[in-house]
Structures are given as structure tokens and as C-alpha cells.
């Protein structure tokens, strides 16, 4: 879970300009800076750009991330979460808090998403950092590369749908018999 948590933190802190293709789907408000780079995929993102495109990430890679605030944070807190479709709400990925004078942080995290995480579906990772200098909020829209058909859950769902349809047809068969 730790690798996934820091990967999502890196994606939140970055994901705003993918390579030279222009702005990516992200937004950052507040006196903070952030960026992330996917080593193997060659994706670089910088939180200074704003856009609505979706960042497509590989199923596994290593993310080098960095973030900073404008001044010593003092007492601070924050969290990063994944926004799921209704009625599921949100899932917290990571949270932090404490007191300090460090104005930046960086790291590298390797991740490998399981096959059950659907590809080709857009997710929103959002977060907030609050300290003595104010509040910094942001989000990034991302998806795992590939198609929705690459997940075993899709095939199980399709088989369930076909099975349910066949069962329904069998139940309705007596209604269509000739008298």
C-alpha cells in the first residue's frame, strides 16, 4: 500500500504537463509547487499548468516526485484521496500532519498496479495541504494505459450480464408460448 500511496501523492503533486504534449488534467491552487516524473514511461508533469486532459500512466513504473511550500509550514496537515463514482465516495490514500520548518520534500516510489485495477477508466486523485501559509489544493485526472477490456473484472461482468440475460429469457419463455 505504501508504494501506491506515494505513487498517488506523486501523481497529485505532478501531472500537469505531459512531455511536450501540453497541459494535462490537473489543477493546483495555493502557494505551493509540485512535479513528478515517470522514469520508464518518460512522462514529466509540472503542477504549474492547468488543463482538463487525462494523464495516462503505465501499470507499473517508478515515480520521482517533489513538492514545496512558500515558507516554513509550522503546524500543518493534509491528505490525498481517490474520488470514486457514486455511491462509493472517496478512499484516503495518505494523510500527514505535525509541525516543522522544512519547505520541500521529494522521493521516488516504485509501483505495480494489479490487473484488477481497470485500464482506460478515468479516476480523480485529489489532495489538500494546510499550513501557516495557507491552503494548497489540487487534483489530477488519470487513467491506466490499456483498454477497459484488459481487466478480468470486465470479462466477469460481461459473463454475468450474459448469464443474467439468458436466465431472464428462460423465465419469460412461458409468456410467449402459443395457446
Protein backbone atom coordinates (compact mmCIF):
# COMPACT_ATOMS: atom_id res chain seq x y z
CA UNK A 1 0.00 0.00 0.00
CA UNK A 2 2.93 2.30 0.72
CA UNK A 3 4.08 2.30 -2.92
CA UNK A 4 0.55 3.00 -4.16
CA UNK A 5 0.14 5.79 -1.58
CA UNK A 6 3.31 7.60 -2.62
CA UNK A 7 2.62 6.98 -6.29
CA UNK A 8 -0.72 8.71 -5.95
CA UNK A 9 0.91 11.51 -3.95
CA UNK A 10 3.43 11.89 -6.78
CA UNK A 11 0.63 11.90 -9.34
CA UNK A 12 -1.28 14.52 -7.35
CA UNK A 13 1.79 16.68 -6.91
CA UNK A 14 2.57 16.45 -10.61
CA UNK A 15 0.58 15.54 -13.69
CA UNK A 16 0.11 18.89 -15.34
CA UNK A 17 2.26 18.92 -18.46
CA UNK A 18 2.87 15.55 -20.09
CA UNK A 19 6.12 15.67 -22.01
CA UNK A 20 5.75 18.24 -24.75
CA UNK A 21 2.07 17.50 -25.45
CA UNK A 22 0.74 20.46 -23.48
CA UNK A 23 -1.19 20.71 -20.24
CA UNK A 24 -2.52 17.60 -18.59
CA UNK A 25 -5.60 17.15 -16.43
CA UNK A 26 -4.69 18.83 -13.20
CA UNK A 27 -5.29 21.89 -11.16
CA UNK A 28 -3.31 23.37 -8.28
CA UNK A 29 -4.44 26.26 -6.07
CA UNK A 30 -2.28 27.83 -3.39
CA UNK A 31 1.31 28.83 -2.69
CA UNK A 32 2.93 25.51 -3.49
CA UNK A 33 4.87 23.78 -6.27
CA UNK A 34 4.91 20.14 -7.32
CA UNK A 35 6.16 17.86 -10.06
CA UNK A 36 6.56 14.21 -10.91
CA UNK A 37 8.42 12.12 -13.47
CA UNK A 38 7.67 8.53 -14.50
CA UNK A 39 11.13 7.06 -15.19
CA UNK A 40 10.33 4.28 -17.69
CA UNK A 41 7.38 5.97 -19.41
CA UNK A 42 9.19 9.28 -19.86
CA UNK A 43 6.20 11.25 -18.55
CA UNK A 44 7.04 14.52 -16.80
CA UNK A 45 4.38 16.58 -15.10
CA UNK A 46 4.56 20.03 -13.54
CA UNK A 47 1.82 21.42 -11.31
CA UNK A 48 2.16 24.95 -12.67
CA UNK A 49 -0.02 24.16 -15.72
CA UNK A 50 -3.79 23.73 -15.62
CA UNK A 51 -5.85 21.65 -18.03
CA UNK A 52 -8.60 19.09 -18.39
CA UNK A 53 -6.88 16.33 -20.36
CA UNK A 54 -6.36 12.91 -18.78
CA UNK A 55 -2.87 11.68 -17.85
CA UNK A 56 -2.36 8.08 -18.99
CA UNK A 57 0.07 6.21 -16.76
CA UNK A 58 1.64 2.76 -17.14
CA UNK A 59 0.51 -0.14 -14.93
CA UNK A 60 3.96 -0.17 -13.31
CA UNK A 61 6.83 2.31 -13.15
CA UNK A 62 8.90 4.41 -10.73
CA UNK A 63 7.77 7.97 -9.99
CA UNK A 64 10.26 10.63 -8.88
CA UNK A 65 8.20 13.32 -7.12
CA UNK A 66 8.89 16.62 -5.38
CA UNK A 67 6.80 19.28 -3.71
CA UNK A 68 7.36 22.55 -1.86
CA UNK A 69 5.51 25.30 0.00
CA UNK A 70 6.27 29.04 0.03
CA UNK A 71 7.52 29.27 3.61
CA UNK A 72 8.10 27.26 6.78
CA UNK A 73 4.82 25.41 7.32
CA UNK A 74 4.70 25.38 11.13
CA UNK A 75 1.71 23.30 12.19
CA UNK A 76 0.47 21.50 9.09
CA UNK A 77 -1.82 18.72 7.92
CA UNK A 78 -3.04 17.26 4.70
CA UNK A 79 -4.28 14.24 2.83
CA UNK A 80 -4.57 12.67 -0.60
CA UNK A 81 -7.63 10.71 -1.69
CA UNK A 82 -9.11 8.86 -4.65
CA UNK A 83 -12.56 10.02 -5.75
CA UNK A 84 -14.75 7.08 -6.75
CA UNK A 85 -18.02 7.20 -8.65
CA UNK A 86 -21.26 7.47 -6.62
CA UNK A 87 -22.28 5.94 -4.28
CA UNK A 88 -18.76 4.88 -3.21
CA UNK A 89 -17.41 8.30 -2.12
CA UNK A 90 -13.69 8.67 -1.52
CA UNK A 91 -10.81 6.47 -0.38
CA UNK A 92 -7.97 8.10 1.56
CA UNK A 93 -4.57 7.22 0.14
CA UNK A 94 -2.37 9.07 2.64
CA UNK A 95 -2.52 11.75 5.32
CA UNK A 96 0.09 13.72 7.22
CA UNK A 97 0.41 16.29 9.95
CA UNK A 98 2.72 17.77 12.53
CA UNK A 99 4.93 20.79 12.98
CA UNK A 100 8.06 21.65 11.04
CA UNK A 101 10.18 24.17 9.20
CA UNK A 102 11.07 22.13 6.10
CA UNK A 103 9.67 23.79 2.96
CA UNK A 104 10.15 20.92 0.50
CA UNK A 105 10.09 17.17 0.20
CA UNK A 106 10.95 14.68 -2.54
CA UNK A 107 11.26 10.99 -3.13
CA UNK A 108 10.95 8.08 -5.51
CA UNK A 109 8.36 5.34 -5.39
CA UNK A 110 8.07 2.20 -7.46
CA UNK A 111 4.55 0.89 -8.03
CA UNK A 112 2.80 -2.00 -9.76
CA UNK A 113 -0.98 -1.82 -10.06
CA UNK A 114 -2.79 -5.18 -10.05
CA UNK A 115 -4.74 -6.38 -13.12
CA UNK A 116 -7.98 -5.79 -11.19
CA UNK A 117 -7.45 -2.02 -11.47
CA UNK A 118 -9.35 -1.21 -14.66
CA UNK A 119 -7.48 0.37 -17.56
CA UNK A 120 -8.96 3.09 -19.72
CA UNK A 121 -11.19 4.42 -16.92
CA UNK A 122 -10.63 7.99 -15.67
CA UNK A 123 -10.02 8.43 -11.92
CA UNK A 124 -9.51 11.64 -9.96
CA UNK A 125 -6.79 11.82 -7.32
CA UNK A 126 -7.17 14.94 -5.16
CA UNK A 127 -5.46 16.38 -2.11
CA UNK A 128 -5.04 19.26 0.26
CA UNK A 129 -2.20 20.66 2.38
CA UNK A 130 -2.95 23.24 5.10
CA UNK A 131 -0.25 25.15 6.99
CA UNK A 132 0.57 28.59 8.46
CA UNK A 133 0.99 29.99 4.91
CA UNK A 134 -2.48 28.94 3.75
CA UNK A 135 -4.10 26.09 1.93
CA UNK A 136 -2.91 24.29 -1.19
CA UNK A 137 -5.38 22.05 -3.01
CA UNK A 138 -5.11 20.12 -6.22
CA UNK A 139 -6.31 17.25 -8.33
CA UNK A 140 -5.24 15.20 -11.31
CA UNK A 141 -7.34 13.09 -13.67
CA UNK A 142 -5.57 9.91 -14.70
CA UNK A 143 -6.10 6.51 -16.21
CA UNK A 144 -4.08 3.32 -16.51
CA UNK A 145 -2.95 2.67 -20.07
CA UNK A 146 -4.84 -0.02 -21.94
CA UNK A 147 -8.50 -0.62 -22.56
CA UNK A 148 -11.35 -1.46 -20.22
CA UNK A 149 -11.29 -4.98 -21.72
CA UNK A 150 -7.83 -5.66 -20.26
CA UNK A 151 -9.24 -6.15 -16.75
CA UNK A 152 -10.52 -9.58 -15.67
CA UNK A 153 -13.36 -7.80 -13.84
CA UNK A 154 -14.72 -6.63 -17.21
CA UNK A 155 -14.90 -10.20 -18.54
CA UNK A 156 -16.52 -11.47 -15.34
CA UNK A 157 -19.09 -8.65 -15.55
CA UNK A 158 -19.82 -9.38 -19.20
CA UNK A 159 -20.24 -13.11 -18.47
CA UNK A 160 -22.58 -12.24 -15.58
CA UNK A 161 -24.62 -9.98 -17.85
CA UNK A 162 -24.94 -12.69 -20.50
CA UNK A 163 -25.89 -15.25 -17.83
CA UNK A 164 -28.50 -12.94 -16.34
CA UNK A 165 -29.93 -12.24 -19.80
CA UNK A 166 -30.15 -15.96 -20.56
CA UNK A 167 -31.88 -16.60 -17.22
CA UNK A 168 -34.35 -13.78 -17.89
CA UNK A 169 -35.11 -15.20 -21.35
CA UNK A 170 -35.81 -18.62 -19.80
CA UNK A 171 -38.19 -17.05 -17.27
CA UNK A 172 -40.05 -15.14 -20.00
CA UNK A 173 -40.30 -18.14 -22.36
CA UNK A 174 -43.69 -19.34 -20.97
CA UNK A 175 -45.20 -15.90 -21.71
CA UNK A 176 -44.54 -16.29 -25.41
CA UNK A 177 -45.92 -19.83 -25.88
CA UNK A 178 -48.84 -20.22 -28.25
CA UNK A 179 -52.12 -21.24 -26.74
